[in-house]
Amino acid sequence: MQLKLVDYSELNSRQKENYNFQKVSAVLADYGFVTLRLTDDWQGADFIAQHIDGERFLKVQLKGRLTFCKKYVGKDLYIAFYETGEWYLLPHDEVLAMVIESSTMADSKSWAEVGEYSFSRLSKNMKILLQPYRIYPNSEAATANNAIEPTLVPRAAHG
């Protein structure tokens, strides 16, 4: 059997979501999480990430880019998204507060009228703000200069 890599740009939206779920699941596995895909959004989550410690469960909304929604506020959701070779996993409400304070997002028509705002690309300043929420595949984590919360660092990164 000869396998052929897929071209992400040729996938339909559902295929892209499935692809991204598998990719982020692989990265989260390096941090001791098993992911459980939900067939229907549950409390805003696309999937649950359960840590091997049996104590931590994350409700995760998977997005194609950094997105905030008023309907997610107060639901204890995490947002996972990928941009230019980097995965991010961030607590929605905590980061939303920081972004509102450091940007003009709250003044936008999209946020005010639709209750949703997404960033098509991360600016340099936004990348700096989000650096603590970047998650690394195990192969990169050992050299990642401690950019993520210690509770999420995989055991291999502790050397």
N, C-alpha and C. Protein backbone atom coordinates (compact mmCIF):
# COMPACT_ATOMS: atom_id res chain seq x y z
N MET A 1 0.85 -1.17 0.00
CA MET A 1 0.00 0.00 0.00
C MET A 1 0.89 1.24 0.00
N GLN A 2 0.56 2.17 -0.84
CA GLN A 2 1.31 3.43 -0.90
C GLN A 2 0.40 4.54 -0.39
N LEU A 3 0.85 5.25 0.64
CA LEU A 3 0.08 6.33 1.22
C LEU A 3 0.47 7.65 0.58
N LYS A 4 -0.54 8.50 0.44
CA LYS A 4 -0.30 9.81 -0.16
C LYS A 4 -0.78 10.88 0.81
N LEU A 5 0.07 11.87 1.06
CA LEU A 5 -0.31 12.98 1.93
C LEU A 5 -1.46 13.77 1.30
N VAL A 6 -2.35 14.24 2.16
CA VAL A 6 -3.46 15.05 1.66
C VAL A 6 -3.04 16.51 1.58
N ASP A 7 -3.68 17.22 0.70
CA ASP A 7 -3.49 18.66 0.58
C ASP A 7 -4.61 19.31 1.39
N TYR A 8 -4.26 19.92 2.52
CA TYR A 8 -5.24 20.50 3.43
C TYR A 8 -6.19 21.45 2.70
N SER A 9 -5.67 22.23 1.78
CA SER A 9 -6.50 23.21 1.09
C SER A 9 -7.58 22.58 0.22
N GLU A 10 -7.43 21.30 -0.09
CA GLU A 10 -8.42 20.61 -0.91
C GLU A 10 -9.50 19.92 -0.07
N LEU A 11 -9.38 19.95 1.24
CA LEU A 11 -10.38 19.32 2.10
C LEU A 11 -11.59 20.22 2.26
N ASN A 12 -12.78 19.61 2.42
CA ASN A 12 -13.97 20.42 2.71
C ASN A 12 -13.95 20.80 4.19
N SER A 13 -14.88 21.62 4.64
CA SER A 13 -14.83 22.15 6.00
C SER A 13 -14.93 21.04 7.06
N ARG A 14 -15.76 20.06 6.83
CA ARG A 14 -15.89 18.95 7.80
C ARG A 14 -14.59 18.12 7.85
N GLN A 15 -13.99 17.89 6.69
CA GLN A 15 -12.73 17.15 6.64
C GLN A 15 -11.62 17.93 7.34
N LYS A 16 -11.61 19.25 7.16
CA LYS A 16 -10.61 20.09 7.84
C LYS A 16 -10.78 20.01 9.35
N GLU A 17 -12.02 20.03 9.82
CA GLU A 17 -12.27 19.93 11.26
C GLU A 17 -11.78 18.58 11.80
N ASN A 18 -12.07 17.50 11.08
CA ASN A 18 -11.59 16.17 11.48
C ASN A 18 -10.07 16.11 11.48
N TYR A 19 -9.46 16.66 10.47
CA TYR A 19 -8.00 16.70 10.33
C TYR A 19 -7.39 17.45 11.53
N ASN A 20 -7.93 18.64 11.80
CA ASN A 20 -7.41 19.46 12.90
C ASN A 20 -7.62 18.78 14.26
N PHE A 21 -8.74 18.09 14.43
CA PHE A 21 -8.97 17.36 15.68
C PHE A 21 -7.89 16.31 15.89
N GLN A 22 -7.56 15.57 14.83
CA GLN A 22 -6.53 14.54 14.95
C GLN A 22 -5.17 15.15 15.25
N LYS A 23 -4.85 16.27 14.62
CA LYS A 23 -3.56 16.92 14.81
C LYS A 23 -3.42 17.46 16.24
N VAL A 24 -4.43 18.17 16.74
CA VAL A 24 -4.34 18.72 18.09
C VAL A 24 -4.37 17.60 19.12
N SER A 25 -5.08 16.53 18.84
CA SER A 25 -5.11 15.38 19.75
C SER A 25 -3.72 14.78 19.91
N ALA A 26 -2.98 14.71 18.81
CA ALA A 26 -1.62 14.16 18.88
C ALA A 26 -0.73 15.03 19.76
N VAL A 27 -0.85 16.35 19.64
CA VAL A 27 -0.05 17.26 20.47
C VAL A 27 -0.48 17.14 21.93
N LEU A 28 -1.78 17.11 22.19
CA LEU A 28 -2.25 17.01 23.57
C LEU A 28 -1.86 15.68 24.21
N ALA A 29 -1.71 14.63 23.42
CA ALA A 29 -1.26 13.33 23.95
C ALA A 29 0.12 13.47 24.58
N ASP A 30 0.96 14.33 24.02
CA ASP A 30 2.29 14.56 24.58
C ASP A 30 2.22 15.20 25.97
N TYR A 31 1.10 15.81 26.30
CA TYR A 31 0.90 16.44 27.60
C TYR A 31 0.07 15.57 28.53
N GLY A 32 -0.19 14.33 28.13
CA GLY A 32 -0.91 13.40 28.97
C GLY A 32 -2.42 13.48 28.85
N PHE A 33 -2.91 14.04 27.76
CA PHE A 33 -4.36 14.13 27.56
C PHE A 33 -4.83 13.13 26.51
N VAL A 34 -5.99 12.55 26.78
CA VAL A 34 -6.70 11.74 25.81
C VAL A 34 -7.90 12.59 25.39
N THR A 35 -8.18 12.63 24.11
CA THR A 35 -9.28 13.46 23.64
C THR A 35 -10.48 12.60 23.27
N LEU A 36 -11.65 13.14 23.55
CA LEU A 36 -12.91 12.47 23.25
C LEU A 36 -13.74 13.40 22.38
N ARG A 37 -13.92 13.03 21.14
CA ARG A 37 -14.67 13.87 20.20
C ARG A 37 -16.15 13.79 20.52
N LEU A 38 -16.81 14.92 20.52
CA LEU A 38 -18.24 14.97 20.78
C LEU A 38 -18.99 15.07 19.46
N THR A 39 -20.05 14.33 19.34
CA THR A 39 -20.80 14.35 18.08
C THR A 39 -21.62 15.62 17.93
N ASP A 40 -21.90 16.26 19.04
CA ASP A 40 -22.67 17.50 19.03
C ASP A 40 -22.05 18.41 20.09
N ASP A 41 -21.90 19.69 19.78
CA ASP A 41 -21.33 20.59 20.78
C ASP A 41 -22.02 20.39 22.12
N TRP A 42 -21.22 20.19 23.16
CA TRP A 42 -21.75 20.05 24.51
C TRP A 42 -21.20 21.19 25.34
N GLN A 43 -22.10 22.05 25.82
CA GLN A 43 -21.70 23.24 26.56
C GLN A 43 -20.66 24.04 25.80
N GLY A 44 -20.78 24.05 24.48
CA GLY A 44 -19.88 24.81 23.62
C GLY A 44 -18.63 24.07 23.19
N ALA A 45 -18.42 22.84 23.69
CA ALA A 45 -17.19 22.11 23.39
C ALA A 45 -17.34 21.19 22.19
N ASP A 46 -16.28 21.11 21.39
CA ASP A 46 -16.19 20.16 20.30
C ASP A 46 -15.61 18.83 20.78
N PHE A 47 -14.74 18.93 21.80
CA PHE A 47 -14.17 17.71 22.38
C PHE A 47 -13.77 17.95 23.82
N ILE A 48 -13.59 16.83 24.53
CA ILE A 48 -13.13 16.85 25.90
C ILE A 48 -11.71 16.32 25.91
N ALA A 49 -10.83 16.97 26.64
CA ALA A 49 -9.47 16.48 26.83
C ALA A 49 -9.36 16.04 28.28
N GLN A 50 -9.13 14.75 28.48
CA GLN A 50 -9.03 14.18 29.82
C GLN A 50 -7.57 13.86 30.12
N HIS A 51 -7.07 14.40 31.23
CA HIS A 51 -5.68 14.17 31.60
C HIS A 51 -5.51 12.82 32.27
N ILE A 52 -4.34 12.22 32.11
CA ILE A 52 -4.08 10.91 32.70
C ILE A 52 -4.10 10.93 34.22
N ASP A 53 -4.02 12.12 34.83
CA ASP A 53 -4.08 12.20 36.30
C ASP A 53 -5.50 11.96 36.81
N GLY A 54 -6.48 11.90 35.90
CA GLY A 54 -7.87 11.67 36.29
C GLY A 54 -8.52 12.85 36.97
N GLU A 55 -7.81 13.95 37.09
CA GLU A 55 -8.31 15.13 37.79
C GLU A 55 -8.73 16.25 36.84
N ARG A 56 -8.04 16.37 35.72
CA ARG A 56 -8.28 17.50 34.82
C ARG A 56 -9.06 17.07 33.58
N PHE A 57 -10.12 17.81 33.32
CA PHE A 57 -10.92 17.64 32.12
C PHE A 57 -11.08 19.03 31.50
N LEU A 58 -10.74 19.16 30.24
CA LEU A 58 -10.88 20.44 29.55
C LEU A 58 -11.97 20.33 28.50
N LYS A 59 -12.89 21.29 28.51
CA LYS A 59 -13.88 21.39 27.44
C LYS A 59 -13.24 22.29 26.38
N VAL A 60 -13.09 21.75 25.17
CA VAL A 60 -12.33 22.47 24.15
C VAL A 60 -13.18 22.73 22.91
N GLN A 61 -13.14 23.96 22.46
CA GLN A 61 -13.75 24.37 21.20
C GLN A 61 -12.61 24.49 20.20
N LEU A 62 -12.69 23.76 19.12
CA LEU A 62 -11.65 23.76 18.09
C LEU A 62 -12.01 24.79 17.02
N LYS A 63 -11.09 25.69 16.76
CA LYS A 63 -11.32 26.75 15.79
C LYS A 63 -10.24 26.75 14.72
N GLY A 64 -10.56 27.33 13.58
CA GLY A 64 -9.59 27.46 12.50
C GLY A 64 -8.65 28.63 12.71
N ARG A 65 -9.00 29.51 13.64
CA ARG A 65 -8.15 30.66 13.98
C ARG A 65 -8.60 31.19 15.34
N LEU A 66 -7.85 32.13 15.88
CA LEU A 66 -8.20 32.69 17.18
C LEU A 66 -9.57 33.35 17.11
N THR A 67 -10.48 32.86 17.93
CA THR A 67 -11.86 33.33 17.91
C THR A 67 -12.39 33.46 19.33
N PHE A 68 -13.14 34.52 19.58
CA PHE A 68 -13.82 34.71 20.86
C PHE A 68 -15.31 34.87 20.58
N CYS A 69 -16.14 34.32 21.46
CA CYS A 69 -17.59 34.42 21.30
C CYS A 69 -18.24 34.73 22.64
N LYS A 70 -19.18 35.64 22.62
CA LYS A 70 -19.91 35.97 23.84
C LYS A 70 -20.65 34.75 24.36
N LYS A 71 -21.11 33.87 23.47
CA LYS A 71 -21.85 32.68 23.91
C LYS A 71 -20.97 31.69 24.65
N TYR A 72 -19.66 31.83 24.60
CA TYR A 72 -18.73 30.95 25.32
C TYR A 72 -18.40 31.47 26.72
N VAL A 73 -18.70 32.72 26.99
CA VAL A 73 -18.34 33.33 28.28
C VAL A 73 -19.04 32.59 29.42
N GLY A 74 -18.27 32.28 30.44
CA GLY A 74 -18.80 31.61 31.62
C GLY A 74 -18.97 30.11 31.49
N LYS A 75 -18.52 29.52 30.38
CA LYS A 75 -18.69 28.08 30.17
C LYS A 75 -17.43 27.27 30.45
N ASP A 76 -16.38 27.92 30.96
CA ASP A 76 -15.12 27.24 31.29
C ASP A 76 -14.57 26.49 30.08
N LEU A 77 -14.56 27.17 28.95
CA LEU A 77 -14.09 26.57 27.70
C LEU A 77 -12.65 26.96 27.40
N TYR A 78 -11.98 26.06 26.71
CA TYR A 78 -10.67 26.33 26.14
C TYR A 78 -10.84 26.43 24.63
N ILE A 79 -10.06 27.27 24.01
CA ILE A 79 -10.04 27.40 22.56
C ILE A 79 -8.73 26.81 22.06
N ALA A 80 -8.83 25.92 21.09
CA ALA A 80 -7.64 25.36 20.44
C ALA A 80 -7.67 25.81 18.99
N PHE A 81 -6.52 26.29 18.51
CA PHE A 81 -6.43 26.67 17.10
C PHE A 81 -4.98 26.57 16.65
N TYR A 82 -4.82 26.55 15.34
CA TYR A 82 -3.52 26.38 14.71
C TYR A 82 -3.25 27.58 13.82
N GLU A 83 -2.02 28.08 13.90
CA GLU A 83 -1.63 29.13 12.97
C GLU A 83 -0.14 29.01 12.66
N THR A 84 0.14 29.00 11.39
CA THR A 84 1.51 28.98 10.85
C THR A 84 2.47 28.10 11.66
N GLY A 85 2.13 26.84 11.74
CA GLY A 85 3.02 25.87 12.38
C GLY A 85 2.94 25.80 13.88
N GLU A 86 2.02 26.51 14.50
CA GLU A 86 1.92 26.53 15.95
C GLU A 86 0.49 26.25 16.42
N TRP A 87 0.38 25.41 17.45
CA TRP A 87 -0.90 25.13 18.10
C TRP A 87 -1.00 25.96 19.37
N TYR A 88 -2.20 26.43 19.65
CA TYR A 88 -2.48 27.18 20.86
C TYR A 88 -3.66 26.54 21.58
N LEU A 89 -3.59 26.52 22.90
CA LEU A 89 -4.69 26.06 23.74
C LEU A 89 -4.83 27.08 24.86
N LEU A 90 -5.96 27.79 24.87
CA LEU A 90 -6.09 28.90 25.81
C LEU A 90 -7.45 28.93 26.48
N PRO A 91 -7.48 29.36 27.74
CA PRO A 91 -8.77 29.51 28.42
C PRO A 91 -9.50 30.72 27.84
N HIS A 92 -10.66 30.50 27.27
CA HIS A 92 -11.40 31.52 26.55
C HIS A 92 -11.58 32.80 27.36
N ASP A 93 -12.18 32.71 28.54
CA ASP A 93 -12.55 33.90 29.30
C ASP A 93 -11.32 34.67 29.79
N GLU A 94 -10.32 33.96 30.24
CA GLU A 94 -9.10 34.60 30.75
C GLU A 94 -8.39 35.39 29.65
N VAL A 95 -8.24 34.77 28.49
CA VAL A 95 -7.54 35.44 27.39
C VAL A 95 -8.44 36.51 26.77
N LEU A 96 -9.73 36.28 26.72
CA LEU A 96 -10.65 37.31 26.23
C LEU A 96 -10.47 38.60 27.02
N ALA A 97 -10.40 38.52 28.33
CA ALA A 97 -10.22 39.72 29.16
C ALA A 97 -8.91 40.43 28.81
N MET A 98 -7.85 39.67 28.59
CA MET A 98 -6.57 40.29 28.23
C MET A 98 -6.64 40.94 26.85
N VAL A 99 -7.30 40.30 25.91
CA VAL A 99 -7.40 40.84 24.55
C VAL A 99 -8.27 42.10 24.52
N ILE A 100 -9.36 42.08 25.26
CA ILE A 100 -10.21 43.28 25.32
C ILE A 100 -9.42 44.45 25.90
N GLU A 101 -8.61 44.18 26.91
CA GLU A 101 -7.81 45.24 27.55
C GLU A 101 -6.71 45.76 26.64
N SER A 102 -6.17 44.90 25.77
CA SER A 102 -4.99 45.30 24.99
C SER A 102 -5.28 45.55 23.50
N SER A 103 -6.55 45.56 23.12
CA SER A 103 -6.87 45.77 21.70
C SER A 103 -8.16 46.57 21.56
N THR A 104 -8.54 46.78 20.31
CA THR A 104 -9.80 47.50 20.03
C THR A 104 -10.92 46.53 19.67
N MET A 105 -10.73 45.26 19.95
CA MET A 105 -11.73 44.24 19.61
C MET A 105 -13.11 44.58 20.15
N ALA A 106 -13.21 45.01 21.39
CA ALA A 106 -14.50 45.28 22.03
C ALA A 106 -15.28 46.39 21.32
N ASP A 107 -14.57 47.25 20.59
CA ASP A 107 -15.21 48.35 19.87
C ASP A 107 -15.67 47.95 18.46
N SER A 108 -15.36 46.73 18.06
CA SER A 108 -15.68 46.31 16.70
C SER A 108 -17.17 46.03 16.54
N LYS A 109 -17.65 46.20 15.33
CA LYS A 109 -19.04 45.90 15.00
C LYS A 109 -19.33 44.42 15.18
N SER A 110 -18.39 43.59 14.81
CA SER A 110 -18.55 42.14 14.93
C SER A 110 -18.79 41.73 16.38
N TRP A 111 -17.99 42.25 17.29
CA TRP A 111 -18.14 41.90 18.70
C TRP A 111 -19.42 42.51 19.28
N ALA A 112 -19.67 43.78 18.97
CA ALA A 112 -20.82 44.48 19.53
C ALA A 112 -22.15 43.94 19.01
N GLU A 113 -22.24 43.65 17.71
CA GLU A 113 -23.52 43.26 17.12
C GLU A 113 -23.70 41.75 16.95
N VAL A 114 -22.63 41.05 16.63
CA VAL A 114 -22.72 39.60 16.39
C VAL A 114 -22.33 38.80 17.63
N GLY A 115 -21.48 39.39 18.46
CA GLY A 115 -21.02 38.70 19.66
C GLY A 115 -19.91 37.71 19.40
N GLU A 116 -19.21 37.93 18.30
CA GLU A 116 -18.11 37.04 17.92
C GLU A 116 -17.03 37.87 17.24
N TYR A 117 -15.77 37.47 17.48
CA TYR A 117 -14.66 38.17 16.83
C TYR A 117 -13.55 37.16 16.59
N SER A 118 -13.01 37.19 15.38
CA SER A 118 -11.88 36.30 15.09
C SER A 118 -10.76 37.10 14.43
N PHE A 119 -9.56 36.60 14.63
CA PHE A 119 -8.36 37.23 14.08
C PHE A 119 -7.91 36.40 12.88
N SER A 120 -7.90 37.00 11.70
CA SER A 120 -7.49 36.24 10.52
C SER A 120 -6.03 35.83 10.59
N ARG A 121 -5.20 36.66 11.21
CA ARG A 121 -3.78 36.36 11.44
C ARG A 121 -3.40 36.95 12.79
N LEU A 122 -2.45 36.34 13.43
CA LEU A 122 -1.97 36.88 14.70
C LEU A 122 -0.90 37.94 14.44
N SER A 123 -1.09 39.09 15.02
CA SER A 123 -0.06 40.14 14.93
C SER A 123 1.12 39.74 15.81
N LYS A 124 2.20 40.45 15.67
CA LYS A 124 3.38 40.19 16.51
C LYS A 124 3.02 40.35 17.99
N ASN A 125 2.28 41.41 18.31
CA ASN A 125 1.87 41.64 19.70
C ASN A 125 0.95 40.53 20.21
N MET A 126 0.06 40.06 19.36
CA MET A 126 -0.85 38.98 19.77
C MET A 126 -0.08 37.68 19.99
N LYS A 127 0.93 37.43 19.16
CA LYS A 127 1.75 36.23 19.36
C LYS A 127 2.49 36.30 20.70
N ILE A 128 2.95 37.47 21.07
CA ILE A 128 3.62 37.65 22.37
C ILE A 128 2.62 37.39 23.50
N LEU A 129 1.43 37.96 23.38
CA LEU A 129 0.39 37.77 24.39
C LEU A 129 0.02 36.29 24.55
N LEU A 130 -0.03 35.57 23.42
CA LEU A 130 -0.46 34.17 23.43
C LEU A 130 0.66 33.16 23.65
N GLN A 131 1.89 33.62 23.71
CA GLN A 131 3.03 32.70 23.86
C GLN A 131 2.86 31.71 25.02
N PRO A 132 2.34 32.12 26.18
CA PRO A 132 2.18 31.15 27.27
C PRO A 132 1.17 30.03 26.97
N TYR A 133 0.40 30.20 25.91
CA TYR A 133 -0.64 29.22 25.58
C TYR A 133 -0.28 28.37 24.37
N ARG A 134 0.93 28.52 23.88
CA ARG A 134 1.37 27.70 22.76
C ARG A 134 1.67 26.31 23.29
N ILE A 135 1.22 25.30 22.56
CA ILE A 135 1.53 23.92 22.93
C ILE A 135 2.41 23.32 21.85
N TYR A 136 3.35 22.52 22.28
CA TYR A 136 4.39 22.01 21.40
C TYR A 136 4.28 20.50 21.27
N PRO A 137 4.50 19.96 20.09
CA PRO A 137 4.65 18.51 19.98
C PRO A 137 5.86 18.09 20.82
N ASN A 138 5.86 16.87 21.32
CA ASN A 138 6.93 16.39 22.19
C ASN A 138 8.31 16.63 21.61
N SER A 139 8.45 16.51 20.31
CA SER A 139 9.75 16.71 19.67
C SER A 139 10.26 18.14 19.82
N GLU A 140 9.35 19.10 19.97
CA GLU A 140 9.74 20.50 20.12
C GLU A 140 9.74 20.97 21.57
N ALA A 141 9.01 20.28 22.43
CA ALA A 141 8.79 20.76 23.80
C ALA A 141 10.09 20.87 24.58
N ALA A 142 11.01 19.99 24.37
CA ALA A 142 12.26 20.01 25.13
C ALA A 142 13.10 21.25 24.85
N THR A 143 12.87 21.88 23.71
CA THR A 143 13.65 23.07 23.36
C THR A 143 12.80 24.34 23.37
N ALA A 144 11.63 24.28 23.97
CA ALA A 144 10.66 25.37 23.86
C ALA A 144 10.81 26.47 24.90
N ASN A 145 11.90 26.60 25.55
CA ASN A 145 12.21 27.65 26.54
C ASN A 145 11.10 27.92 27.54
N ASN A 146 10.45 26.85 28.01
CA ASN A 146 9.44 26.95 29.07
C ASN A 146 8.33 27.96 28.76
N ALA A 147 7.86 27.98 27.54
CA ALA A 147 6.87 28.98 27.14
C ALA A 147 5.45 28.62 27.53
N ILE A 148 5.24 27.43 28.11
CA ILE A 148 3.89 27.04 28.47
C ILE A 148 3.79 26.80 29.96
N GLU A 149 2.57 26.73 30.47
CA GLU A 149 2.37 26.51 31.89
C GLU A 149 3.01 25.20 32.30
N PRO A 150 3.73 25.18 33.43
CA PRO A 150 4.40 23.96 33.86
C PRO A 150 3.46 22.78 34.02
N THR A 151 2.19 23.02 34.33
CA THR A 151 1.27 21.91 34.51
C THR A 151 0.97 21.21 33.19
N LEU A 152 1.28 21.82 32.07
CA LEU A 152 1.03 21.21 30.78
C LEU A 152 2.28 20.65 30.13
N VAL A 153 3.45 20.91 30.70
CA VAL A 153 4.70 20.45 30.08
C VAL A 153 4.79 18.93 30.16
N PRO A 154 5.04 18.25 29.04
CA PRO A 154 5.15 16.79 29.08
C PRO A 154 6.37 16.35 29.88
N ARG A 155 6.31 15.15 30.45
CA ARG A 155 7.39 14.65 31.30
C ARG A 155 8.73 14.68 30.57
N ALA A 156 8.75 14.36 29.28
CA ALA A 156 9.99 14.33 28.53
C ALA A 156 10.69 15.69 28.51
N ALA A 157 9.93 16.75 28.63
CA ALA A 157 10.50 18.10 28.58
C ALA A 157 11.26 18.45 29.85
N HIS A 158 11.03 17.69 30.93
CA HIS A 158 11.71 17.98 32.18
C HIS A 158 13.12 17.41 32.19
N GLY A 159 13.43 16.59 31.17
CA GLY A 159 14.76 16.06 30.95
C GLY A 159 15.28 15.26 32.07
